[in-house]
Amino acid sequence: MITENEAGQRLDRFLRKYMKKAPLSMIYKTIRKDVKINGKRGHEDTILQEGDRLALYIPEDKLKEMTRVETRKRVRRQFRIAYEDDNLLIVEKPAGLLTHGDSREKKNTLANQVCGYLQEKGEFDPAREKSFVPSPVNRLDRNTTGLVIFGKNAETLRSFTKYIRERQYVSKYYVTLVKGSLKENLVLQDRIEKDHGRNISQVTENTADGKSAETFVRPIAVKNGFSVVEVELVTGRTHQIRVHLSHEGYPLVGDMKYGDRKVNGMAKNRLGLTTQLLHAYQLRFDGMEGSCAYLNGKTVKAGLPQEFRGVLEKLGFTSKDLEAFA
């Protein structure tokens, strides 16, 4: 029986999630020969509806092998909760923690920690869900801290994925420390090109390969040749804030990829800083419809991490300078 969390998907996409261990060739062969929906043949682009009865004519032992859920040890919770309701969970990610797994780290990730938290609350049971997993709709780099949005059900996850993609519904604000005395607002509109092999991005004039990038920057406080700035991220290109500010002449302090080598050396020796300080501190919601309309006008904030605040204090910034991020 197709549940609410499974409805609204194409048949082939549902089976790819459900039969996680099956090769693609087997998925599409199964659709052609071994699947019926409400007693009738389905097609790969058939949209599943809640209450549909889906029958798979596959030997039980083979199906179990293809759909086997890996048992995972619970990982220690490192995030803080900024906001939670029945549909949505917004958490504060610490530095050093991946949002998703990669080739080197698959277990201790923010996504896995959130799933473990929801399991403990009884709001997510991986043994019962055939294709749905609570997942983040925005992503922060390993050393970026702050707010990450998770959909707790499929409808919310789909809606927020759309809202993030279409940009105007969720406003995302960051705070960072840059080299230089920035006195005026910046509106940065360029094209950014990513070198996937080196995992590095740059501003480019190449309209074929570069993707449009838009960043708004507002100075908050200036001290001794450094600036605390608020950044509104309109688009979401790889390393966009770091690339844009570096290109404009205001590199992030401690940024080993795009920063100033001399400043980074000072930051390491004097401040003990070995990476950039970048914190996703605020989300604002507006213009949402349907099941998410109740969030319109809502703002969620995450205070500055203690390490970030400590570095700023060493550079002479005061509590008054930082009151917007309390």
C-alpha atoms as a PDB file:
ATOM      1  CA  MET A   1       0.000   0.000   0.000  1.00  0.00           C
ATOM      2  CA  ILE A   2       1.406   3.384  -1.015  1.00  0.00           C
ATOM      3  CA  THR A   3       1.499   5.764   1.956  1.00  0.00           C
ATOM      4  CA  GLU A   4       1.342   9.566   2.098  1.00  0.00           C
ATOM      5  CA  ASN A   5       5.151   9.816   2.210  1.00  0.00           C
ATOM      6  CA  GLU A   6       5.489   7.606  -0.883  1.00  0.00           C
ATOM      7  CA  ALA A   7       2.773   9.229  -3.022  1.00  0.00           C
ATOM      8  CA  GLY A   8       3.517  11.740  -5.769  1.00  0.00           C
ATOM      9  CA  GLN A   9       6.578   9.896  -7.120  1.00  0.00           C
ATOM     10  CA  ARG A  10       7.170   8.293 -10.476  1.00  0.00           C
ATOM     11  CA  LEU A  11       7.130   4.505 -10.259  1.00  0.00           C
ATOM     12  CA  ASP A  12      10.759   4.166 -11.400  1.00  0.00           C
ATOM     13  CA  ARG A  13      12.015   6.678  -8.821  1.00  0.00           C
ATOM     14  CA  PHE A  14      10.080   4.974  -6.039  1.00  0.00           C
ATOM     15  CA  LEU A  15      11.534   1.577  -6.950  1.00  0.00           C
ATOM     16  CA  ARG A  16      15.070   2.985  -7.129  1.00  0.00           C
ATOM     17  CA  LYS A  17      14.697   4.151  -3.535  1.00  0.00           C
ATOM     18  CA  TYR A  18      12.861   1.064  -2.314  1.00  0.00           C
ATOM     19  CA  MET A  19      15.065  -1.512  -4.048  1.00  0.00           C
ATOM     20  CA  LYS A  20      18.282   0.242  -3.059  1.00  0.00           C
ATOM     21  CA  LYS A  21      20.561  -2.666  -3.885  1.00  0.00           C
ATOM     22  CA  ALA A  22      19.092  -3.454  -7.311  1.00  0.00           C
ATOM     23  CA  PRO A  23      20.943  -2.385 -10.472  1.00  0.00           C
ATOM     24  CA  LEU A  24      19.077  -0.016 -12.801  1.00  0.00           C
ATOM     25  CA  SER A  25      18.666  -2.748 -15.400  1.00  0.00           C
ATOM     26  CA  MET A  26      16.773  -4.852 -12.865  1.00  0.00           C
ATOM     27  CA  ILE A  27      14.562  -1.892 -11.862  1.00  0.00           C
ATOM     28  CA  TYR A  28      13.386  -1.300 -15.426  1.00  0.00           C
ATOM     29  CA  LYS A  29      13.041  -5.009 -16.180  1.00  0.00           C
ATOM     30  CA  THR A  30      10.856  -5.304 -13.057  1.00  0.00           C
ATOM     31  CA  ILE A  31       8.672  -2.427 -14.271  1.00  0.00           C
ATOM     32  CA  ARG A  32       8.206  -4.089 -17.664  1.00  0.00           C
ATOM     33  CA  LYS A  33       7.423  -7.579 -16.360  1.00  0.00           C
ATOM     34  CA  ASP A  34       6.902  -7.851 -12.605  1.00  0.00           C
ATOM     35  CA  VAL A  35       4.885  -4.865 -11.336  1.00  0.00           C
ATOM     36  CA  LYS A  36       1.170  -4.165 -11.112  1.00  0.00           C
ATOM     37  CA  ILE A  37      -0.552  -1.121  -9.634  1.00  0.00           C
ATOM     38  CA  ASN A  38      -4.118  -1.762  -8.502  1.00  0.00           C
ATOM     39  CA  GLY A  39      -4.061  -4.918 -10.615  1.00  0.00           C
ATOM     40  CA  LYS A  40      -2.881  -3.175 -13.802  1.00  0.00           C
ATOM     41  CA  ARG A  41       0.467  -2.775 -15.507  1.00  0.00           C
ATOM     42  CA  GLY A  42       2.364   0.363 -14.607  1.00  0.00           C
ATOM     43  CA  HIS A  43       4.862   2.388 -16.599  1.00  0.00           C
ATOM     44  CA  GLU A  44       8.090   3.979 -15.440  1.00  0.00           C
ATOM     45  CA  ASP A  45       6.477   7.449 -15.445  1.00  0.00           C
ATOM     46  CA  THR A  46       3.287   6.367 -13.628  1.00  0.00           C
ATOM     47  CA  ILE A  47       2.715   8.723 -10.680  1.00  0.00           C
ATOM     48  CA  LEU A  48       1.912   6.801  -7.509  1.00  0.00           C
ATOM     49  CA  GLN A  49      -1.116   7.896  -5.474  1.00  0.00           C
ATOM     50  CA  GLU A  50      -1.761   7.415  -1.774  1.00  0.00           C
ATOM     51  CA  GLY A  51      -3.681   4.166  -1.282  1.00  0.00           C
ATOM     52  CA  ASP A  52      -2.427   2.536  -4.490  1.00  0.00           C
ATOM     53  CA  ARG A  53      -1.767  -1.193  -4.130  1.00  0.00           C
ATOM     54  CA  LEU A  54       1.576  -2.024  -5.661  1.00  0.00           C
ATOM     55  CA  ALA A  55       2.373  -5.706  -6.284  1.00  0.00           C
ATOM     56  CA  LEU A  56       5.913  -6.930  -7.046  1.00  0.00           C
ATOM     57  CA  TYR A  57       6.180 -10.429  -8.549  1.00  0.00           C
ATOM     58  CA  ILE A  58       9.689 -11.126  -7.279  1.00  0.00           C
ATOM     59  CA  PRO A  59      10.819 -14.073  -5.116  1.00  0.00           C
ATOM     60  CA  GLU A  60      10.610 -13.051  -1.462  1.00  0.00           C
ATOM     61  CA  ASP A  61      14.250 -13.805  -0.629  1.00  0.00           C
ATOM     62  CA  LYS A  62      15.460 -11.784  -3.619  1.00  0.00           C
ATOM     63  CA  LEU A  63      13.203  -8.844  -2.728  1.00  0.00           C
ATOM     64  CA  LYS A  64      14.491  -8.872   0.862  1.00  0.00           C
ATOM     65  CA  GLU A  65      18.054  -8.725  -0.397  1.00  0.00           C
ATOM     66  CA  MET A  66      17.280  -5.799  -2.731  1.00  0.00           C
ATOM     67  CA  THR A  67      15.402  -3.823  -0.038  1.00  0.00           C
ATOM     68  CA  ARG A  68      17.487  -4.730   3.013  1.00  0.00           C
ATOM     69  CA  VAL A  69      17.871  -1.788   5.404  1.00  0.00           C
ATOM     70  CA  GLU A  70      21.368  -1.473   6.829  1.00  0.00           C
ATOM     71  CA  THR A  71      21.442  -1.377  10.612  1.00  0.00           C
ATOM     72  CA  ARG A  72      23.459   1.579  11.834  1.00  0.00           C
ATOM     73  CA  LYS A  73      24.893   2.451  15.193  1.00  0.00           C
ATOM     74  CA  ARG A  74      23.433   5.633  16.593  1.00  0.00           C
ATOM     75  CA  VAL A  75      25.825   8.576  16.380  1.00  0.00           C
ATOM     76  CA  ARG A  76      26.195  11.161  19.115  1.00  0.00           C
ATOM     77  CA  ARG A  77      24.001  14.200  18.559  1.00  0.00           C
ATOM     78  CA  GLN A  78      26.057  17.344  17.955  1.00  0.00           C
ATOM     79  CA  PHE A  79      23.434  19.736  16.585  1.00  0.00           C
ATOM     80  CA  ARG A  80      21.127  22.130  18.424  1.00  0.00           C
ATOM     81  CA  ILE A  81      17.460  22.622  17.549  1.00  0.00           C
ATOM     82  CA  ALA A  82      16.565  26.133  16.381  1.00  0.00           C
ATOM     83  CA  TYR A  83      12.937  25.413  15.401  1.00  0.00           C
ATOM     84  CA  GLU A  84      10.690  22.363  15.181  1.00  0.00           C
ATOM     85  CA  ASP A  85       7.068  21.589  14.360  1.00  0.00           C
ATOM     86  CA  ASP A  86       5.198  18.575  12.973  1.00  0.00           C
ATOM     87  CA  ASN A  87       6.542  19.122   9.439  1.00  0.00           C
ATOM     88  CA  LEU A  88       9.848  20.869   9.800  1.00  0.00           C
ATOM     89  CA  LEU A  89      13.069  20.682  11.785  1.00  0.00           C
ATOM     90  CA  ILE A  90      15.667  23.467  11.608  1.00  0.00           C
ATOM     91  CA  VAL A  91      18.949  22.654  13.314  1.00  0.00           C
ATOM     92  CA  GLU A  92      22.230  24.436  14.044  1.00  0.00           C
ATOM     93  CA  LYS A  93      25.138  22.558  12.472  1.00  0.00           C
ATOM     94  CA  PRO A  94      28.516  22.801  14.237  1.00  0.00           C
ATOM     95  CA  ALA A  95      31.829  23.242  12.429  1.00  0.00           C
ATOM     96  CA  GLY A  96      33.542  20.075  11.214  1.00  0.00           C
ATOM     97  CA  LEU A  97      30.355  18.085  10.633  1.00  0.00           C
ATOM     98  CA  LEU A  98      29.281  17.111   7.095  1.00  0.00           C
ATOM     99  CA  THR A  99      25.654  17.737   6.125  1.00  0.00           C
ATOM    100  CA  HIS A 100      25.684  14.563   3.974  1.00  0.00           C
ATOM    101  CA  GLY A 101      28.178  11.723   3.822  1.00  0.00           C
ATOM    102  CA  ASP A 102      31.043  11.603   1.358  1.00  0.00           C
ATOM    103  CA  SER A 103      33.577   8.984   0.262  1.00  0.00           C
ATOM    104  CA  ARG A 104      35.518   9.351   3.525  1.00  0.00           C
ATOM    105  CA  GLU A 105      32.693   9.769   6.054  1.00  0.00           C
ATOM    106  CA  LYS A 106      29.350   8.021   5.702  1.00  0.00           C
ATOM    107  CA  LYS A 107      28.190   7.481   9.291  1.00  0.00           C
ATOM    108  CA  ASN A 108      28.713  10.567  11.444  1.00  0.00           C
ATOM    109  CA  THR A 109      26.855  13.190   9.425  1.00  0.00           C
ATOM    110  CA  LEU A 110      24.236  15.771  10.279  1.00  0.00           C
ATOM    111  CA  ALA A 111      21.647  13.887   8.206  1.00  0.00           C
ATOM    112  CA  ASN A 112      22.252  10.667  10.149  1.00  0.00           C
ATOM    113  CA  GLN A 113      22.181  12.466  13.478  1.00  0.00           C
ATOM    114  CA  VAL A 114      18.814  14.038  12.605  1.00  0.00           C
ATOM    115  CA  CYS A 115      17.384  10.669  11.525  1.00  0.00           C
ATOM    116  CA  GLY A 116      18.546   9.183  14.835  1.00  0.00           C
ATOM    117  CA  TYR A 117      16.893  12.015  16.763  1.00  0.00           C
ATOM    118  CA  LEU A 118      13.590  11.532  14.910  1.00  0.00           C
ATOM    119  CA  GLN A 119      13.763   7.769  15.483  1.00  0.00           C
ATOM    120  CA  GLU A 120      14.172   8.339  19.213  1.00  0.00           C
ATOM    121  CA  LYS A 121      11.100  10.593  19.142  1.00  0.00           C
ATOM    122  CA  GLY A 122       9.114   7.925  17.277  1.00  0.00           C
ATOM    123  CA  GLU A 123       8.599  10.203  14.260  1.00  0.00           C
ATOM    124  CA  PHE A 124      10.658   8.158  11.811  1.00  0.00           C
ATOM    125  CA  ASP A 125      10.859   4.380  11.460  1.00  0.00           C
ATOM    126  CA  PRO A 126      13.220   3.310   8.637  1.00  0.00           C
ATOM    127  CA  ALA A 127      11.880  -0.253   8.798  1.00  0.00           C
ATOM    128  CA  ARG A 128       8.392   0.968   7.799  1.00  0.00           C
ATOM    129  CA  GLU A 129       9.310   3.607   5.214  1.00  0.00           C
ATOM    130  CA  LYS A 130       9.885   2.171   1.759  1.00  0.00           C
ATOM    131  CA  SER A 131      11.411   5.254   0.122  1.00  0.00           C
ATOM    132  CA  PHE A 132      11.238   8.300   2.407  1.00  0.00           C
ATOM    133  CA  VAL A 133      14.057   9.529   4.658  1.00  0.00           C
ATOM    134  CA  PRO A 134      13.970  12.899   6.488  1.00  0.00           C
ATOM    135  CA  SER A 135      16.491  14.975   4.547  1.00  0.00           C
ATOM    136  CA  PRO A 136      18.031  18.463   4.413  1.00  0.00           C
ATOM    137  CA  VAL A 137      16.794  20.910   1.799  1.00  0.00           C
ATOM    138  CA  ASN A 138      19.821  23.209   2.073  1.00  0.00           C
ATOM    139  CA  ARG A 139      23.455  22.279   2.554  1.00  0.00           C
ATOM    140  CA  LEU A 140      26.376  23.832   4.409  1.00  0.00           C
ATOM    141  CA  ASP A 141      30.052  23.055   3.849  1.00  0.00           C
ATOM    142  CA  ARG A 142      31.892  21.081   6.539  1.00  0.00           C
ATOM    143  CA  ASN A 143      33.353  24.169   8.242  1.00  0.00           C
ATOM    144  CA  THR A 144      30.311  26.416   7.802  1.00  0.00           C
ATOM    145  CA  THR A 145      28.090  26.573  10.878  1.00  0.00           C
ATOM    146  CA  GLY A 146      24.428  27.420  11.303  1.00  0.00           C
ATOM    147  CA  LEU A 147      20.938  26.690  10.113  1.00  0.00           C
ATOM    148  CA  VAL A 148      19.971  23.630   8.056  1.00  0.00           C
ATOM    149  CA  ILE A 149      16.338  22.829   7.177  1.00  0.00           C
ATOM    150  CA  PHE A 150      15.029  19.235   7.290  1.00  0.00           C
ATOM    151  CA  GLY A 151      11.663  18.030   5.960  1.00  0.00           C
ATOM    152  CA  LYS A 152      10.075  15.545   8.370  1.00  0.00           C
ATOM    153  CA  ASN A 153       7.633  14.209   5.767  1.00  0.00           C
ATOM    154  CA  ALA A 154       7.655  13.836   1.989  1.00  0.00           C
ATOM    155  CA  GLU A 155       5.213  16.680   1.243  1.00  0.00           C
ATOM    156  CA  THR A 156       7.232  19.197   3.251  1.00  0.00           C
ATOM    157  CA  LEU A 157      10.497  17.954   1.770  1.00  0.00           C
ATOM    158  CA  ARG A 158       9.173  18.345  -1.789  1.00  0.00           C
ATOM    159  CA  SER A 159       7.693  21.780  -1.064  1.00  0.00           C
ATOM    160  CA  PHE A 160      10.850  23.147   0.528  1.00  0.00           C
ATOM    161  CA  THR A 161      13.087  21.718  -2.184  1.00  0.00           C
ATOM    162  CA  LYS A 162      10.965  23.693  -4.666  1.00  0.00           C
ATOM    163  CA  TYR A 163      11.010  26.840  -2.520  1.00  0.00           C
ATOM    164  CA  ILE A 164      14.805  26.743  -2.144  1.00  0.00           C
ATOM    165  CA  ARG A 165      15.240  26.173  -5.888  1.00  0.00           C
ATOM    166  CA  GLU A 166      12.927  29.048  -6.803  1.00  0.00           C
ATOM    167  CA  ARG A 167      14.788  31.339  -4.373  1.00  0.00           C
ATOM    168  CA  GLN A 168      12.259  34.039  -3.470  1.00  0.00           C
ATOM    169  CA  TYR A 169      10.531  32.125  -0.650  1.00  0.00           C
ATOM    170  CA  VAL A 170      13.398  31.400   1.749  1.00  0.00           C
ATOM    171  CA  SER A 171      15.858  34.225   2.479  1.00  0.00           C
ATOM    172  CA  LYS A 172      19.218  32.965   3.801  1.00  0.00           C
ATOM    173  CA  TYR A 173      21.552  35.237   5.764  1.00  0.00           C
ATOM    174  CA  TYR A 174      25.130  34.577   6.842  1.00  0.00           C
ATOM    175  CA  VAL A 175      27.699  36.424   8.933  1.00  0.00           C
ATOM    176  CA  THR A 176      31.421  36.289   8.255  1.00  0.00           C
ATOM    177  CA  LEU A 177      34.730  38.033   8.948  1.00  0.00           C
ATOM    178  CA  VAL A 178      36.655  39.494   6.013  1.00  0.00           C
ATOM    179  CA  LYS A 179      39.932  41.273   5.407  1.00  0.00           C
ATOM    180  CA  GLY A 180      39.506  44.985   4.644  1.00  0.00           C
ATOM    181  CA  SER A 181      37.371  47.894   5.794  1.00  0.00           C
ATOM    182  CA  LEU A 182      34.043  47.530   3.998  1.00  0.00           C
ATOM    183  CA  LYS A 183      31.952  50.694   4.396  1.00  0.00           C
ATOM    184  CA  GLU A 184      29.203  50.302   1.759  1.00  0.00           C
ATOM    185  CA  ASN A 185      26.714  47.634   0.723  1.00  0.00           C
ATOM    186  CA  LEU A 186      27.713  45.411  -2.170  1.00  0.00           C
ATOM    187  CA  VAL A 187      25.489  43.828  -4.802  1.00  0.00           C
ATOM    188  CA  LEU A 188      27.553  41.113  -6.462  1.00  0.00           C
ATOM    189  CA  GLN A 189      26.181  39.650  -9.695  1.00  0.00           C
ATOM    190  CA  ASP A 190      28.538  37.467 -11.700  1.00  0.00           C
ATOM    191  CA  ARG A 191      28.911  34.024 -13.197  1.00  0.00           C
ATOM    192  CA  ILE A 192      30.735  31.365 -11.190  1.00  0.00           C
ATOM    193  CA  GLU A 193      32.424  28.351 -12.752  1.00  0.00           C
ATOM    194  CA  LYS A 194      33.373  25.236 -10.759  1.00  0.00           C
ATOM    195  CA  ASP A 195      36.424  23.065 -11.365  1.00  0.00           C
ATOM    196  CA  HIS A 196      35.038  19.719 -10.169  1.00  0.00           C
ATOM    197  CA  GLY A 197      38.412  18.003 -10.214  1.00  0.00           C
ATOM    198  CA  ARG A 198      39.970  20.480  -7.769  1.00  0.00           C
ATOM    199  CA  ASN A 199      36.689  21.374  -5.999  1.00  0.00           C
ATOM    200  CA  ILE A 200      37.372  25.062  -6.508  1.00  0.00           C
ATOM    201  CA  SER A 201      35.262  27.829  -8.061  1.00  0.00           C
ATOM    202  CA  GLN A 202      35.980  31.171  -9.689  1.00  0.00           C
ATOM    203  CA  VAL A 203      34.210  34.165 -11.168  1.00  0.00           C
ATOM    204  CA  THR A 204      34.240  33.851 -14.956  1.00  0.00           C
ATOM    205  CA  GLU A 205      33.154  35.675 -18.077  1.00  0.00           C
ATOM    206  CA  ASN A 206      32.404  32.323 -19.700  1.00  0.00           C
ATOM    207  CA  THR A 207      28.636  32.353 -20.188  1.00  0.00           C
ATOM    208  CA  ALA A 208      28.647  28.762 -21.462  1.00  0.00           C
ATOM    209  CA  ASP A 209      30.150  27.138 -18.370  1.00  0.00           C
ATOM    210  CA  GLY A 210      29.600  29.678 -15.604  1.00  0.00           C
ATOM    211  CA  LYS A 211      26.323  29.827 -13.670  1.00  0.00           C
ATOM    212  CA  SER A 212      24.684  33.060 -12.524  1.00  0.00           C
ATOM    213  CA  ALA A 213      25.462  33.992  -8.926  1.00  0.00           C
ATOM    214  CA  GLU A 214      23.960  36.789  -6.839  1.00  0.00           C
ATOM    215  CA  THR A 215      25.142  37.869  -3.392  1.00  0.00           C
ATOM    216  CA  PHE A 216      24.176  40.889  -1.261  1.00  0.00           C
ATOM    217  CA  VAL A 217      26.701  42.095   1.342  1.00  0.00           C
ATOM    218  CA  ARG A 218      26.082  44.559   4.186  1.00  0.00           C
ATOM    219  CA  PRO A 219      28.841  45.794   6.522  1.00  0.00           C
ATOM    220  CA  ILE A 220      28.039  45.461  10.239  1.00  0.00           C
ATOM    221  CA  ALA A 221      31.217  46.641  11.991  1.00  0.00           C
ATOM    222  CA  VAL A 222      34.808  47.559  11.064  1.00  0.00           C
ATOM    223  CA  LYS A 223      37.856  47.277  13.338  1.00  0.00           C
ATOM    224  CA  ASN A 224      41.588  47.488  12.602  1.00  0.00           C
ATOM    225  CA  GLY A 225      41.323  46.577   8.934  1.00  0.00           C
ATOM    226  CA  PHE A 226      38.769  43.798   9.359  1.00  0.00           C
ATOM    227  CA  SER A 227      35.011  43.800   8.756  1.00  0.00           C
ATOM    228  CA  VAL A 228      32.124  41.778  10.106  1.00  0.00           C
ATOM    229  CA  VAL A 229      29.568  41.526   7.301  1.00  0.00           C
ATOM    230  CA  GLU A 230      26.088  40.120   6.777  1.00  0.00           C
ATOM    231  CA  VAL A 231      25.642  38.229   3.515  1.00  0.00           C
ATOM    232  CA  GLU A 232      22.331  37.362   1.860  1.00  0.00           C
ATOM    233  CA  LEU A 233      22.842  34.379  -0.411  1.00  0.00           C
ATOM    234  CA  VAL A 234      20.381  34.626  -3.305  1.00  0.00           C
ATOM    235  CA  THR A 235      21.738  31.787  -5.440  1.00  0.00           C
ATOM    236  CA  GLY A 236      23.590  28.743  -4.127  1.00  0.00           C
ATOM    237  CA  ARG A 237      26.758  28.102  -6.136  1.00  0.00           C
ATOM    238  CA  THR A 238      29.662  26.112  -4.689  1.00  0.00           C
ATOM    239  CA  HIS A 239      31.682  28.309  -2.265  1.00  0.00           C
ATOM    240  CA  GLN A 240      29.717  31.314  -3.582  1.00  0.00           C
ATOM    241  CA  ILE A 241      30.217  33.653  -0.606  1.00  0.00           C
ATOM    242  CA  ARG A 242      33.931  32.864  -0.373  1.00  0.00           C
ATOM    243  CA  VAL A 243      34.507  33.267  -4.123  1.00  0.00           C
ATOM    244  CA  HIS A 244      32.465  36.451  -4.469  1.00  0.00           C
ATOM    245  CA  LEU A 245      34.015  38.290  -1.541  1.00  0.00           C
ATOM    246  CA  SER A 246      37.542  37.225  -2.491  1.00  0.00           C
ATOM    247  CA  HIS A 247      36.986  38.397  -6.071  1.00  0.00           C
ATOM    248  CA  GLU A 248      35.742  41.749  -4.740  1.00  0.00           C
ATOM    249  CA  GLY A 249      38.879  42.204  -2.612  1.00  0.00           C
ATOM    250  CA  TYR A 250      37.421  41.193   0.772  1.00  0.00           C
ATOM    251  CA  PRO A 251      38.543  37.563   1.290  1.00  0.00           C
ATOM    252  CA  LEU A 252      37.297  35.637   4.311  1.00  0.00           C
ATOM    253  CA  VAL A 253      39.851  35.532   7.114  1.00  0.00           C
ATOM    254  CA  GLY A 254      41.222  31.989   7.479  1.00  0.00           C
ATOM    255  CA  ASP A 255      39.993  30.824   4.068  1.00  0.00           C
ATOM    256  CA  MET A 256      42.775  28.567   2.792  1.00  0.00           C
ATOM    257  CA  LYS A 257      41.315  28.242  -0.737  1.00  0.00           C
ATOM    258  CA  TYR A 258      40.349  31.792  -1.593  1.00  0.00           C
ATOM    259  CA  GLY A 259      41.880  33.893   1.180  1.00  0.00           C
ATOM    260  CA  ASP A 260      44.952  36.081   1.687  1.00  0.00           C
ATOM    261  CA  ARG A 261      48.028  34.032   2.662  1.00  0.00           C
ATOM    262  CA  LYS A 262      49.532  36.724   4.896  1.00  0.00           C
ATOM    263  CA  VAL A 263      46.277  37.350   6.749  1.00  0.00           C
ATOM    264  CA  ASN A 264      45.685  33.626   7.132  1.00  0.00           C
ATOM    265  CA  GLY A 265      49.140  33.239   8.683  1.00  0.00           C
ATOM    266  CA  MET A 266      48.307  35.952  11.213  1.00  0.00           C
ATOM    267  CA  ALA A 267      44.929  34.359  11.922  1.00  0.00           C
ATOM    268  CA  LYS A 268      46.570  31.004  12.623  1.00  0.00           C
ATOM    269  CA  ASN A 269      49.398  32.324  14.808  1.00  0.00           C
ATOM    270  CA  ARG A 270      47.510  35.020  16.688  1.00  0.00           C
ATOM    271  CA  LEU A 271      43.963  33.725  16.739  1.00  0.00           C
ATOM    272  CA  GLY A 272      44.398  29.960  16.400  1.00  0.00           C
ATOM    273  CA  LEU A 273      42.176  30.067  13.311  1.00  0.00           C
ATOM    274  CA  THR A 274      42.758  27.469  10.587  1.00  0.00           C
ATOM    275  CA  THR A 275      39.553  27.862   8.550  1.00  0.00           C
ATOM    276  CA  GLN A 276      37.150  30.615   7.582  1.00  0.00           C
ATOM    277  CA  LEU A 277      34.443  31.825   9.953  1.00  0.00           C
ATOM    278  CA  LEU A 278      31.124  31.565   8.107  1.00  0.00           C
ATOM    279  CA  HIS A 279      27.842  31.181   9.973  1.00  0.00           C
ATOM    280  CA  ALA A 280      24.333  30.747   8.516  1.00  0.00           C
ATOM    281  CA  TYR A 281      22.588  32.755  11.202  1.00  0.00           C
ATOM    282  CA  GLN A 282      19.105  33.615   9.902  1.00  0.00           C
ATOM    283  CA  LEU A 283      16.259  32.300   7.723  1.00  0.00           C
ATOM    284  CA  ARG A 284      13.145  34.230   6.725  1.00  0.00           C
ATOM    285  CA  PHE A 285      10.069  32.684   5.102  1.00  0.00           C
ATOM    286  CA  ASP A 286       7.642  34.521   2.846  1.00  0.00           C
ATOM    287  CA  GLY A 287       5.158  33.835   0.039  1.00  0.00           C
ATOM    288  CA  MET A 288       4.711  30.122   0.731  1.00  0.00           C
ATOM    289  CA  GLU A 289       1.475  28.393  -0.158  1.00  0.00           C
ATOM    290  CA  GLY A 290      -0.540  25.334   0.838  1.00  0.00           C
ATOM    291  CA  SER A 291       0.718  23.285   3.766  1.00  0.00           C
ATOM    292  CA  CYS A 292       3.700  25.621   4.318  1.00  0.00           C
ATOM    293  CA  ALA A 293       1.738  28.920   4.378  1.00  0.00           C
ATOM    294  CA  TYR A 294       1.749  28.992   8.191  1.00  0.00           C
ATOM    295  CA  LEU A 295       5.485  29.805   8.070  1.00  0.00           C
ATOM    296  CA  ASN A 296       5.049  33.087   6.188  1.00  0.00           C
ATOM    297  CA  GLY A 297       6.575  35.987   8.097  1.00  0.00           C
ATOM    298  CA  LYS A 298       8.555  33.683  10.378  1.00  0.00           C
ATOM    299  CA  THR A 299      12.253  34.278  11.130  1.00  0.00           C
ATOM    300  CA  VAL A 300      14.563  31.652  12.650  1.00  0.00           C
ATOM    301  CA  LYS A 301      17.967  32.634  14.072  1.00  0.00           C
ATOM    302  CA  ALA A 302      21.098  30.883  15.346  1.00  0.00           C
ATOM    303  CA  GLY A 303      23.445  32.814  17.637  1.00  0.00           C
ATOM    304  CA  LEU A 304      27.157  33.113  16.872  1.00  0.00           C
ATOM    305  CA  PRO A 305      29.227  30.073  17.908  1.00  0.00           C
ATOM    306  CA  GLN A 306      31.533  30.760  20.833  1.00  0.00           C
ATOM    307  CA  GLU A 307      34.686  30.255  18.747  1.00  0.00           C
ATOM    308  CA  PHE A 308      33.482  32.830  16.205  1.00  0.00           C
ATOM    309  CA  ARG A 309      32.628  35.347  18.926  1.00  0.00           C
ATOM    310  CA  GLY A 310      35.952  34.746  20.676  1.00  0.00           C
ATOM    311  CA  VAL A 311      37.959  35.514  17.509  1.00  0.00           C
ATOM    312  CA  LEU A 312      36.016  38.729  16.956  1.00  0.00           C
ATOM    313  CA  GLU A 313      36.602  39.844  20.533  1.00  0.00           C
ATOM    314  CA  LYS A 314      40.355  39.280  20.117  1.00  0.00           C
ATOM    315  CA  LEU A 315      40.246  41.624  17.105  1.00  0.00           C
ATOM    316  CA  GLY A 316      38.530  44.345  19.149  1.00  0.00           C
ATOM    317  CA  PHE A 317      34.874  43.870  18.175  1.00  0.00           C
ATOM    318  CA  THR A 318      32.480  44.525  21.062  1.00  0.00           C
ATOM    319  CA  SER A 319      29.175  43.028  22.153  1.00  0.00           C
ATOM    320  CA  LYS A 320      27.449  46.125  20.764  1.00  0.00           C
ATOM    321  CA  ASP A 321      29.036  45.498  17.367  1.00  0.00           C
ATOM    322  CA  LEU A 322      27.659  41.964  17.403  1.00  0.00           C
ATOM    323  CA  GLU A 323      24.213  42.515  18.950  1.00  0.00           C
ATOM    324  CA  ALA A 324      22.457  41.666  15.673  1.00  0.00           C
ATOM    325  CA  PHE A 325      23.806  38.128  16.005  1.00  0.00           C
ATOM    326  CA  ALA A 326      23.077  37.567  19.713  1.00  0.00           C
END
